[in-house]
Amino acid sequence: MLMILNCSEGVEYKNIIMYLGDVGEANTAAISKEIGLSTARARDILTKMEEIEALRSNRNRTYRLKADT
């Protein structure tokens, strides 16, 4: 599936991938703080990303890159 990203979303998308590549696993608050986004905006982008997998549920949810990425 081809995702069409606007310019700023593409940069945010790449920044999240780079950040998770460096730290391995992080929650939405840590990602949003590091990338400079609101938690709602970070969560919105994370749910669209196919390279990311969510671990745990709701309050304790963390994200990491999928193993095949």
Protein backbone atom coordinates (compact mmCIF):
# COMPACT_ATOMS: atom_id res chain seq x y z
CA MET A 1 0.00 0.00 0.00
CA LEU A 2 1.40 3.38 -1.01
CA MET A 3 1.05 6.10 1.62
CA ILE A 4 0.82 9.66 0.41
CA LEU A 5 2.42 11.98 2.97
CA ASN A 6 2.47 15.73 3.05
CA CYS A 7 5.93 17.26 3.40
CA SER A 8 5.92 17.82 7.17
CA GLU A 9 4.34 14.42 7.84
CA GLY A 10 7.08 12.76 5.81
CA VAL A 11 9.75 14.44 7.93
CA GLU A 12 7.98 13.49 11.16
CA TYR A 13 7.61 9.93 9.88
CA LYS A 14 11.36 9.66 9.19
CA ASN A 15 12.22 11.26 12.54
CA ILE A 16 10.11 8.68 14.39
CA ILE A 17 11.79 5.82 12.52
CA MET A 18 15.24 7.23 13.29
CA TYR A 19 14.37 7.77 16.96
CA LEU A 20 12.98 4.25 17.41
CA GLY A 21 16.01 2.88 15.59
CA ASP A 22 18.22 4.58 18.19
CA VAL A 23 16.28 3.79 21.37
CA GLY A 24 14.60 0.53 20.37
CA GLU A 25 11.29 1.01 22.15
CA ALA A 26 9.42 4.09 23.41
CA ASN A 27 5.99 5.28 24.50
CA THR A 28 4.01 8.03 22.80
CA ALA A 29 5.04 10.68 25.35
CA ALA A 30 8.77 10.00 24.84
CA ILE A 31 8.41 10.00 21.06
CA SER A 32 6.39 13.23 20.99
CA LYS A 33 8.83 14.99 23.32
CA GLU A 34 11.89 13.93 21.29
CA ILE A 35 10.35 14.76 17.90
CA GLY A 36 8.66 17.98 19.07
CA LEU A 37 5.04 16.98 18.44
CA SER A 38 1.95 16.87 20.58
CA THR A 39 1.14 13.42 21.93
CA ALA A 40 -2.07 13.38 19.88
CA ARG A 41 -0.16 14.15 16.66
CA ALA A 42 2.51 11.55 17.43
CA ARG A 43 -0.17 8.93 18.15
CA ASP A 44 -1.95 9.78 14.89
CA ILE A 45 1.24 9.24 12.89
CA LEU A 46 2.18 6.07 14.80
CA THR A 47 -1.16 4.43 14.01
CA LYS A 48 -0.59 5.04 10.28
CA MET A 49 2.94 3.64 10.20
CA GLU A 50 3.30 0.10 8.86
CA GLU A 51 6.94 -0.20 10.01
CA ILE A 52 5.93 0.21 13.66
CA GLU A 53 4.41 -2.34 15.99
CA ALA A 54 2.54 -1.52 19.19
CA LEU A 55 3.36 -3.48 22.32
CA ARG A 56 1.14 -3.83 25.39
CA SER A 57 -2.20 -2.12 25.69
CA ASN A 58 -3.48 1.41 26.09
CA ARG A 59 -1.86 3.06 29.11
CA ASN A 60 1.37 1.04 28.93
CA ARG A 61 1.61 0.99 25.13
CA THR A 62 5.05 1.28 23.61
CA TYR A 63 6.18 1.21 20.01
CA ARG A 64 9.14 -0.31 18.21
CA LEU A 65 10.23 -0.96 14.67
CA LYS A 66 9.06 -4.28 13.24
CA ALA A 67 11.80 -6.87 12.99
CA ASP A 68 11.59 -7.03 9.18
CA THR A 69 12.16 -3.26 8.74
